[in-house]
Amino acid sequence: MRMSRLLVAATVATIALAAAVPAQQQKPAPAAPQRRPAGTKPSTQRTPDGRVNEFPHVSRGTWFGHASPDDRRFALAKPFEHGRFDGVGRANVYAVARVDAALHRIWLPGGYGFEVAAWDWPFVDDWCWTCGSEYVVYIDEDHPGWYLIYDMGTEGFVHATYLGVVP
């Protein structure tokens, strides 16, 4: 009887400890990318075997694959047409509340909507947006009216415009 109480107490203590410690420690989100001069080419990362990683991502604080500041695809007739999203920066970590893959749209808790650039969607069409991954939103200093949505799990990012609060 005493042995079974000790076993139960040890099991409860183990469960309590496991609940208090996160299953996986995420790396901290990187600092926001700095504004670059016009004509700057996207940085590329070479793997140890010489291949080039073309996927837009962050490694050791460097933003690779970020489009050139004068890339015409990012020219918006009305930058920030739906207002500005204020919850930017690495201190703000979000889960995605819902996604509409057909329209390339995601919503953060509270109804904050974003539309991912059509040319970036192929990089992330296999992301599991609503599986508990954590995301950080940055202002894209190189492309007025655009934001960068960074996936803390894959370390990839995409360009998106803010749609405002969408019910």
N, C-alpha and C. Protein backbone atom coordinates (compact mmCIF):
# COMPACT_ATOMS: atom_id res chain seq x y z
N MET A 1 0.83 -1.20 0.00
CA MET A 1 0.00 0.00 0.00
C MET A 1 0.87 1.27 0.00
N ARG A 2 1.89 1.27 0.88
CA ARG A 2 2.79 2.43 0.95
C ARG A 2 3.53 2.59 -0.38
N MET A 3 3.94 1.49 -0.98
CA MET A 3 4.65 1.53 -2.26
C MET A 3 3.78 2.12 -3.36
N SER A 4 2.49 1.77 -3.40
CA SER A 4 1.61 2.31 -4.44
C SER A 4 1.38 3.80 -4.25
N ARG A 5 1.34 4.28 -2.98
CA ARG A 5 1.20 5.73 -2.74
C ARG A 5 2.45 6.47 -3.22
N LEU A 6 3.61 5.89 -2.97
CA LEU A 6 4.85 6.51 -3.44
C LEU A 6 4.89 6.55 -4.96
N LEU A 7 4.45 5.48 -5.58
CA LEU A 7 4.41 5.42 -7.04
C LEU A 7 3.46 6.47 -7.60
N VAL A 8 2.28 6.61 -6.99
CA VAL A 8 1.31 7.62 -7.42
C VAL A 8 1.90 9.02 -7.22
N ALA A 9 2.52 9.27 -6.08
CA ALA A 9 3.10 10.59 -5.80
C ALA A 9 4.21 10.90 -6.81
N ALA A 10 5.05 9.93 -7.11
CA ALA A 10 6.12 10.14 -8.08
C ALA A 10 5.56 10.41 -9.47
N THR A 11 4.50 9.70 -9.85
CA THR A 11 3.87 9.90 -11.16
C THR A 11 3.27 11.29 -11.26
N VAL A 12 2.56 11.74 -10.20
CA VAL A 12 1.95 13.07 -10.19
C VAL A 12 3.03 14.14 -10.28
N ALA A 13 4.13 13.96 -9.54
CA ALA A 13 5.23 14.93 -9.59
C ALA A 13 5.84 14.99 -10.98
N THR A 14 6.01 13.84 -11.64
CA THR A 14 6.56 13.81 -12.99
C THR A 14 5.65 14.51 -13.98
N ILE A 15 4.34 14.27 -13.87
CA ILE A 15 3.37 14.93 -14.76
C ILE A 15 3.39 16.43 -14.54
N ALA A 16 3.43 16.87 -13.28
CA ALA A 16 3.46 18.31 -12.98
C ALA A 16 4.72 18.95 -13.54
N LEU A 17 5.85 18.28 -13.42
CA LEU A 17 7.10 18.81 -13.95
C LEU A 17 7.05 18.88 -15.47
N ALA A 18 6.53 17.85 -16.10
CA ALA A 18 6.43 17.85 -17.57
C ALA A 18 5.53 18.96 -18.07
N ALA A 19 4.45 19.27 -17.34
CA ALA A 19 3.54 20.33 -17.75
C ALA A 19 4.19 21.69 -17.60
N ALA A 20 5.12 21.83 -16.66
CA ALA A 20 5.76 23.12 -16.40
C ALA A 20 6.89 23.42 -17.38
N VAL A 21 7.44 22.41 -18.04
CA VAL A 21 8.55 22.60 -18.96
C VAL A 21 8.04 22.44 -20.38
N PRO A 22 8.21 23.45 -21.25
CA PRO A 22 7.75 23.32 -22.64
C PRO A 22 8.41 22.13 -23.32
N ALA A 23 7.64 21.47 -24.18
CA ALA A 23 8.15 20.29 -24.88
C ALA A 23 9.31 20.64 -25.79
N GLN A 24 9.27 21.83 -26.39
CA GLN A 24 10.31 22.22 -27.32
C GLN A 24 10.61 23.70 -27.12
N GLN A 25 11.84 24.02 -26.87
CA GLN A 25 12.24 25.41 -26.71
C GLN A 25 12.51 26.00 -28.09
N GLN A 26 11.77 27.05 -28.46
CA GLN A 26 11.99 27.73 -29.74
C GLN A 26 13.18 28.66 -29.60
N LYS A 27 13.89 28.85 -30.68
CA LYS A 27 14.93 29.88 -30.71
C LYS A 27 14.23 31.22 -30.63
N PRO A 28 14.89 32.23 -30.08
CA PRO A 28 14.25 33.55 -30.09
C PRO A 28 14.10 34.05 -31.53
N ALA A 29 13.09 34.86 -31.76
CA ALA A 29 12.87 35.43 -33.09
C ALA A 29 14.04 36.36 -33.44
N PRO A 30 14.40 36.43 -34.71
CA PRO A 30 15.51 37.30 -35.10
C PRO A 30 15.12 38.78 -35.05
N ALA A 31 16.13 39.62 -35.04
CA ALA A 31 15.90 41.06 -35.15
C ALA A 31 15.32 41.35 -36.53
N ALA A 32 14.59 42.43 -36.64
CA ALA A 32 13.99 42.81 -37.92
C ALA A 32 15.08 43.10 -38.95
N PRO A 33 14.79 42.80 -40.22
CA PRO A 33 15.79 43.13 -41.25
C PRO A 33 15.93 44.64 -41.40
N GLN A 34 17.11 45.08 -41.72
CA GLN A 34 17.40 46.50 -41.89
C GLN A 34 17.07 46.94 -43.31
N ARG A 35 16.72 48.22 -43.45
CA ARG A 35 16.46 48.79 -44.78
C ARG A 35 17.75 48.73 -45.60
N ARG A 36 17.60 48.36 -46.89
CA ARG A 36 18.75 48.23 -47.77
C ARG A 36 18.65 49.24 -48.91
N PRO A 37 19.77 49.65 -49.48
CA PRO A 37 19.73 50.59 -50.61
C PRO A 37 19.12 49.95 -51.85
N ALA A 38 18.52 50.78 -52.70
CA ALA A 38 17.96 50.29 -53.97
C ALA A 38 19.06 49.58 -54.75
N GLY A 39 18.67 48.55 -55.47
CA GLY A 39 19.63 47.79 -56.27
C GLY A 39 20.30 46.66 -55.52
N THR A 40 20.07 46.59 -54.21
CA THR A 40 20.66 45.50 -53.42
C THR A 40 20.04 44.18 -53.85
N LYS A 41 20.87 43.22 -54.15
CA LYS A 41 20.40 41.89 -54.54
C LYS A 41 20.07 41.08 -53.29
N PRO A 42 19.14 40.12 -53.42
CA PRO A 42 18.85 39.25 -52.28
C PRO A 42 20.09 38.45 -51.86
N SER A 43 20.29 38.31 -50.57
CA SER A 43 21.38 37.47 -50.07
C SER A 43 21.03 36.01 -50.30
N THR A 44 22.02 35.22 -50.67
CA THR A 44 21.80 33.79 -50.84
C THR A 44 22.71 33.04 -49.88
N GLN A 45 22.26 31.88 -49.47
CA GLN A 45 23.04 31.07 -48.56
C GLN A 45 23.50 29.80 -49.28
N ARG A 46 24.78 29.52 -49.18
CA ARG A 46 25.32 28.29 -49.77
C ARG A 46 25.45 27.25 -48.66
N THR A 47 25.03 26.04 -48.99
CA THR A 47 25.17 24.93 -48.05
C THR A 47 26.61 24.44 -48.08
N PRO A 48 27.03 23.68 -47.08
CA PRO A 48 28.42 23.19 -47.07
C PRO A 48 28.81 22.41 -48.33
N ASP A 49 27.82 21.79 -48.99
CA ASP A 49 28.15 21.04 -50.21
C ASP A 49 28.08 21.90 -51.47
N GLY A 50 27.93 23.24 -51.30
CA GLY A 50 27.97 24.15 -52.44
C GLY A 50 26.63 24.52 -53.05
N ARG A 51 25.54 23.86 -52.63
CA ARG A 51 24.22 24.21 -53.18
C ARG A 51 23.75 25.55 -52.63
N VAL A 52 22.88 26.22 -53.38
CA VAL A 52 22.32 27.49 -52.95
C VAL A 52 20.92 27.25 -52.39
N ASN A 53 20.67 27.78 -51.20
CA ASN A 53 19.35 27.68 -50.59
C ASN A 53 18.54 28.89 -51.04
N GLU A 54 17.58 28.70 -51.93
CA GLU A 54 16.78 29.79 -52.51
C GLU A 54 15.57 30.15 -51.66
N PHE A 55 15.25 29.33 -50.68
CA PHE A 55 14.07 29.55 -49.84
C PHE A 55 14.26 30.80 -48.99
N PRO A 56 13.28 31.73 -48.97
CA PRO A 56 13.41 32.91 -48.09
C PRO A 56 13.42 32.44 -46.63
N HIS A 57 14.52 32.71 -45.93
CA HIS A 57 14.66 32.24 -44.56
C HIS A 57 15.66 33.09 -43.79
N VAL A 58 15.72 32.83 -42.49
CA VAL A 58 16.66 33.52 -41.62
C VAL A 58 17.58 32.47 -41.02
N SER A 59 18.87 32.72 -41.07
CA SER A 59 19.85 31.82 -40.47
C SER A 59 20.90 32.65 -39.76
N ARG A 60 21.07 32.37 -38.48
CA ARG A 60 22.05 33.10 -37.66
C ARG A 60 21.88 34.61 -37.77
N GLY A 61 20.64 35.06 -37.79
CA GLY A 61 20.35 36.48 -37.81
C GLY A 61 20.40 37.15 -39.17
N THR A 62 20.76 36.42 -40.22
CA THR A 62 20.83 36.97 -41.58
C THR A 62 19.58 36.57 -42.34
N TRP A 63 18.95 37.56 -42.98
CA TRP A 63 17.74 37.33 -43.79
C TRP A 63 18.18 37.00 -45.21
N PHE A 64 17.97 35.75 -45.61
CA PHE A 64 18.34 35.29 -46.96
C PHE A 64 17.10 35.28 -47.86
N GLY A 65 17.30 35.64 -49.14
CA GLY A 65 16.21 35.56 -50.11
C GLY A 65 15.22 36.70 -50.04
N HIS A 66 15.54 37.77 -49.27
CA HIS A 66 14.63 38.91 -49.21
C HIS A 66 14.76 39.72 -50.49
N ALA A 67 13.65 39.93 -51.16
CA ALA A 67 13.63 40.58 -52.48
C ALA A 67 14.30 41.95 -52.45
N SER A 68 14.82 42.33 -53.59
CA SER A 68 15.48 43.62 -53.76
C SER A 68 14.52 44.77 -53.44
N PRO A 69 15.02 45.86 -52.83
CA PRO A 69 14.15 46.98 -52.49
C PRO A 69 13.43 47.60 -53.69
N ASP A 70 14.01 47.52 -54.89
CA ASP A 70 13.37 48.12 -56.05
C ASP A 70 12.63 47.09 -56.91
N ASP A 71 12.29 45.96 -56.32
CA ASP A 71 11.51 44.92 -57.02
C ASP A 71 10.11 45.47 -57.28
N ARG A 72 9.74 45.59 -58.54
CA ARG A 72 8.47 46.22 -58.95
C ARG A 72 7.23 45.44 -58.48
N ARG A 73 7.38 44.18 -58.15
CA ARG A 73 6.22 43.41 -57.67
C ARG A 73 5.64 44.00 -56.39
N PHE A 74 6.44 44.75 -55.65
CA PHE A 74 6.00 45.27 -54.36
C PHE A 74 5.45 46.69 -54.43
N ALA A 75 5.38 47.27 -55.62
CA ALA A 75 4.84 48.62 -55.76
C ALA A 75 3.32 48.57 -55.56
N LEU A 76 2.84 49.25 -54.53
CA LEU A 76 1.41 49.30 -54.23
C LEU A 76 0.87 50.68 -54.55
N ALA A 77 -0.30 50.75 -55.17
CA ALA A 77 -0.93 52.04 -55.47
C ALA A 77 -1.25 52.78 -54.17
N LYS A 78 -1.69 52.04 -53.15
CA LYS A 78 -2.03 52.64 -51.85
C LYS A 78 -1.40 51.81 -50.72
N PRO A 79 -0.12 52.08 -50.40
CA PRO A 79 0.48 51.35 -49.29
C PRO A 79 -0.33 51.57 -48.00
N PHE A 80 -0.45 50.54 -47.20
CA PHE A 80 -1.19 50.58 -45.93
C PHE A 80 -2.65 50.99 -46.14
N GLU A 81 -3.23 50.55 -47.24
CA GLU A 81 -4.61 50.90 -47.60
C GLU A 81 -5.61 50.58 -46.49
N HIS A 82 -5.38 49.51 -45.74
CA HIS A 82 -6.31 49.09 -44.69
C HIS A 82 -5.79 49.44 -43.30
N GLY A 83 -4.86 50.38 -43.23
CA GLY A 83 -4.28 50.78 -41.95
C GLY A 83 -2.98 50.04 -41.70
N ARG A 84 -2.45 50.27 -40.52
CA ARG A 84 -1.18 49.64 -40.14
C ARG A 84 -1.41 48.65 -39.02
N PHE A 85 -0.68 47.56 -39.07
CA PHE A 85 -0.73 46.57 -38.01
C PHE A 85 0.33 46.95 -36.99
N ASP A 86 -0.10 47.15 -35.75
CA ASP A 86 0.81 47.64 -34.72
C ASP A 86 1.52 46.54 -33.93
N GLY A 87 1.10 45.31 -34.05
CA GLY A 87 1.68 44.23 -33.25
C GLY A 87 2.90 43.61 -33.88
N VAL A 88 3.83 44.44 -34.33
CA VAL A 88 5.00 43.94 -35.04
C VAL A 88 6.20 43.79 -34.11
N GLY A 89 7.14 43.01 -34.55
CA GLY A 89 8.40 42.86 -33.84
C GLY A 89 8.49 41.56 -33.07
N ARG A 90 9.70 41.21 -32.73
CA ARG A 90 9.95 39.90 -32.14
C ARG A 90 9.39 39.72 -30.74
N ALA A 91 8.94 40.79 -30.11
CA ALA A 91 8.30 40.65 -28.79
C ALA A 91 6.86 40.15 -28.92
N ASN A 92 6.33 40.14 -30.13
CA ASN A 92 4.94 39.72 -30.38
C ASN A 92 4.92 38.42 -31.17
N VAL A 93 4.56 37.35 -30.53
CA VAL A 93 4.52 36.03 -31.15
C VAL A 93 3.07 35.59 -31.25
N TYR A 94 2.67 35.11 -32.43
CA TYR A 94 1.28 34.76 -32.69
C TYR A 94 1.14 33.33 -33.18
N ALA A 95 -0.05 32.80 -32.96
CA ALA A 95 -0.50 31.58 -33.64
C ALA A 95 -1.44 32.07 -34.74
N VAL A 96 -1.63 31.30 -35.76
CA VAL A 96 -2.58 31.67 -36.81
C VAL A 96 -3.93 31.08 -36.43
N ALA A 97 -4.96 31.93 -36.42
CA ALA A 97 -6.30 31.50 -36.02
C ALA A 97 -7.02 30.77 -37.15
N ARG A 98 -6.86 31.25 -38.37
CA ARG A 98 -7.47 30.57 -39.51
C ARG A 98 -6.73 30.94 -40.79
N VAL A 99 -6.98 30.16 -41.82
CA VAL A 99 -6.29 30.35 -43.09
C VAL A 99 -7.24 30.06 -44.23
N ASP A 100 -7.11 30.80 -45.31
CA ASP A 100 -7.83 30.53 -46.55
C ASP A 100 -6.76 30.36 -47.63
N ALA A 101 -6.36 29.11 -47.86
CA ALA A 101 -5.26 28.82 -48.79
C ALA A 101 -5.59 29.28 -50.21
N ALA A 102 -6.84 29.19 -50.62
CA ALA A 102 -7.22 29.57 -51.98
C ALA A 102 -6.98 31.06 -52.24
N LEU A 103 -7.20 31.88 -51.21
CA LEU A 103 -6.99 33.33 -51.36
C LEU A 103 -5.65 33.79 -50.78
N HIS A 104 -4.85 32.85 -50.26
CA HIS A 104 -3.54 33.16 -49.67
C HIS A 104 -3.68 34.10 -48.47
N ARG A 105 -4.70 33.89 -47.68
CA ARG A 105 -4.96 34.77 -46.53
C ARG A 105 -4.86 34.02 -45.21
N ILE A 106 -4.35 34.74 -44.21
CA ILE A 106 -4.31 34.20 -42.85
C ILE A 106 -4.86 35.25 -41.90
N TRP A 107 -5.34 34.78 -40.75
CA TRP A 107 -5.84 35.68 -39.71
C TRP A 107 -5.17 35.31 -38.40
N LEU A 108 -4.74 36.32 -37.70
CA LEU A 108 -4.21 36.14 -36.36
C LEU A 108 -5.36 36.26 -35.37
N PRO A 109 -5.17 35.84 -34.13
CA PRO A 109 -6.24 36.03 -33.13
C PRO A 109 -6.67 37.49 -33.08
N GLY A 110 -7.95 37.73 -32.96
CA GLY A 110 -8.48 39.09 -32.97
C GLY A 110 -8.97 39.52 -34.34
N GLY A 111 -8.82 38.66 -35.35
CA GLY A 111 -9.32 38.96 -36.68
C GLY A 111 -8.37 39.77 -37.55
N TYR A 112 -7.11 39.91 -37.15
CA TYR A 112 -6.13 40.67 -37.94
C TYR A 112 -5.76 39.86 -39.17
N GLY A 113 -6.13 40.37 -40.35
CA GLY A 113 -5.96 39.63 -41.58
C GLY A 113 -4.76 40.07 -42.40
N PHE A 114 -4.16 39.10 -43.08
CA PHE A 114 -3.04 39.36 -43.98
C PHE A 114 -3.23 38.54 -45.25
N GLU A 115 -2.79 39.10 -46.36
CA GLU A 115 -2.78 38.37 -47.62
C GLU A 115 -1.34 38.17 -48.05
N VAL A 116 -0.94 36.92 -48.18
CA VAL A 116 0.43 36.57 -48.57
C VAL A 116 0.60 36.83 -50.06
N ALA A 117 1.73 37.40 -50.43
CA ALA A 117 2.03 37.67 -51.84
C ALA A 117 1.91 36.38 -52.66
N ALA A 118 1.24 36.48 -53.80
CA ALA A 118 1.02 35.29 -54.64
C ALA A 118 2.33 34.61 -55.01
N TRP A 119 3.38 35.39 -55.27
CA TRP A 119 4.66 34.81 -55.67
C TRP A 119 5.40 34.17 -54.50
N ASP A 120 5.03 34.50 -53.26
CA ASP A 120 5.64 33.86 -52.10
C ASP A 120 4.88 32.60 -51.65
N TRP A 121 3.60 32.50 -52.01
CA TRP A 121 2.79 31.38 -51.54
C TRP A 121 3.40 30.01 -51.85
N PRO A 122 3.99 29.78 -53.03
CA PRO A 122 4.57 28.46 -53.29
C PRO A 122 5.64 28.04 -52.26
N PHE A 123 6.31 29.02 -51.63
CA PHE A 123 7.30 28.69 -50.61
C PHE A 123 6.65 28.11 -49.36
N VAL A 124 5.38 28.48 -49.12
CA VAL A 124 4.75 28.13 -47.84
C VAL A 124 3.44 27.36 -47.98
N ASP A 125 3.11 26.93 -49.19
CA ASP A 125 1.83 26.24 -49.35
C ASP A 125 1.78 24.95 -48.54
N ASP A 126 2.93 24.45 -48.10
CA ASP A 126 2.94 23.25 -47.27
C ASP A 126 3.09 23.55 -45.77
N TRP A 127 3.16 24.84 -45.40
CA TRP A 127 3.21 25.17 -43.98
C TRP A 127 1.88 24.76 -43.35
N CYS A 128 1.94 24.25 -42.16
CA CYS A 128 0.72 23.91 -41.44
C CYS A 128 0.39 25.12 -40.56
N TRP A 129 -0.25 26.09 -41.16
CA TRP A 129 -0.50 27.38 -40.52
C TRP A 129 -1.22 27.28 -39.18
N THR A 130 -2.12 26.33 -39.05
CA THR A 130 -2.93 26.25 -37.82
C THR A 130 -2.55 25.05 -36.94
N CYS A 131 -1.32 24.61 -37.02
CA CYS A 131 -0.89 23.45 -36.22
C CYS A 131 -0.13 23.85 -34.96
N GLY A 132 -0.25 25.08 -34.55
CA GLY A 132 0.43 25.50 -33.33
C GLY A 132 1.78 26.14 -33.55
N SER A 133 2.17 26.34 -34.80
CA SER A 133 3.43 27.05 -35.06
C SER A 133 3.31 28.48 -34.56
N GLU A 134 4.45 29.10 -34.31
CA GLU A 134 4.47 30.47 -33.84
C GLU A 134 5.03 31.38 -34.94
N TYR A 135 4.43 32.55 -35.05
CA TYR A 135 4.77 33.50 -36.11
C TYR A 135 5.05 34.88 -35.52
N VAL A 136 5.94 35.60 -36.18
CA VAL A 136 6.25 36.98 -35.82
C VAL A 136 6.03 37.82 -37.07
N VAL A 137 5.45 39.01 -36.89
CA VAL A 137 5.19 39.91 -38.01
C VAL A 137 6.17 41.09 -37.91
N TYR A 138 6.83 41.38 -39.01
CA TYR A 138 7.77 42.50 -39.08
C TYR A 138 7.30 43.47 -40.17
N ILE A 139 7.61 44.75 -40.00
CA ILE A 139 7.40 45.72 -41.08
C ILE A 139 8.51 45.48 -42.10
N ASP A 140 8.16 45.45 -43.36
CA ASP A 140 9.16 45.30 -44.42
C ASP A 140 9.65 46.70 -44.79
N GLU A 141 10.80 47.07 -44.28
CA GLU A 141 11.35 48.41 -44.50
C GLU A 141 11.73 48.67 -45.95
N ASP A 142 11.92 47.61 -46.73
CA ASP A 142 12.31 47.77 -48.13
C ASP A 142 11.13 47.96 -49.06
N HIS A 143 9.93 47.58 -48.62
CA HIS A 143 8.76 47.57 -49.50
C HIS A 143 7.58 48.22 -48.77
N PRO A 144 7.34 49.53 -48.97
CA PRO A 144 6.27 50.23 -48.25
C PRO A 144 4.90 49.56 -48.43
N GLY A 145 4.23 49.34 -47.31
CA GLY A 145 2.92 48.71 -47.32
C GLY A 145 2.96 47.21 -47.11
N TRP A 146 4.15 46.64 -47.04
CA TRP A 146 4.30 45.19 -46.90
C TRP A 146 4.83 44.84 -45.52
N TYR A 147 4.51 43.60 -45.11
CA TYR A 147 5.00 43.03 -43.87
C TYR A 147 5.70 41.72 -44.19
N LEU A 148 6.53 41.27 -43.28
CA LEU A 148 7.17 39.96 -43.38
C LEU A 148 6.59 39.09 -42.27
N ILE A 149 6.07 37.94 -42.63
CA ILE A 149 5.55 37.00 -41.64
C ILE A 149 6.57 35.87 -41.54
N TYR A 150 7.12 35.74 -40.35
CA TYR A 150 8.22 34.81 -40.08
C TYR A 150 7.72 33.62 -39.27
N ASP A 151 7.99 32.41 -39.75
CA ASP A 151 7.62 31.17 -39.06
C ASP A 151 8.79 30.77 -38.16
N MET A 152 8.57 30.77 -36.86
CA MET A 152 9.65 30.46 -35.92
C MET A 152 10.10 29.01 -36.00
N GLY A 153 9.25 28.14 -36.49
CA GLY A 153 9.62 26.73 -36.61
C GLY A 153 10.49 26.44 -37.81
N THR A 154 10.08 26.92 -38.98
CA THR A 154 10.84 26.65 -40.21
C THR A 154 11.93 27.70 -40.46
N GLU A 155 11.82 28.85 -39.80
CA GLU A 155 12.69 30.01 -40.00
C GLU A 155 12.53 30.62 -41.38
N GLY A 156 11.42 30.29 -42.04
CA GLY A 156 11.10 30.88 -43.34
C GLY A 156 10.24 32.12 -43.15
N PHE A 157 10.12 32.93 -44.21
CA PHE A 157 9.27 34.12 -44.14
C PHE A 157 8.62 34.38 -45.49
N VAL A 158 7.52 35.12 -45.44
CA VAL A 158 6.81 35.53 -46.65
C VAL A 158 6.42 36.99 -46.54
N HIS A 159 6.17 37.60 -47.69
CA HIS A 159 5.67 38.97 -47.74
C HIS A 159 4.14 38.93 -47.71
N ALA A 160 3.55 39.89 -47.00
CA ALA A 160 2.09 39.95 -46.92
C ALA A 160 1.65 41.40 -46.73
N THR A 161 0.46 41.68 -47.21
CA THR A 161 -0.16 42.98 -46.96
C THR A 161 -1.22 42.81 -45.86
N TYR A 162 -1.44 43.88 -45.12
CA TYR A 162 -2.40 43.87 -44.02
C TYR A 162 -3.78 44.19 -44.54
N LEU A 163 -4.77 43.39 -44.15
CA LEU A 163 -6.15 43.58 -44.59
C LEU A 163 -7.02 44.30 -43.56
N GLY A 164 -6.46 44.59 -42.40
CA GLY A 164 -7.23 45.18 -41.32
C GLY A 164 -7.87 44.09 -40.48
N VAL A 165 -8.78 44.50 -39.61
CA VAL A 165 -9.48 43.52 -38.78
C VAL A 165 -10.66 43.00 -39.60
N VAL A 166 -10.65 41.71 -39.84
CA VAL A 166 -11.66 41.07 -40.68
C VAL A 166 -12.43 40.08 -39.81
N PRO A 167 -13.74 40.25 -39.70
CA PRO A 167 -14.52 39.32 -38.85
C PRO A 167 -14.57 37.91 -39.41
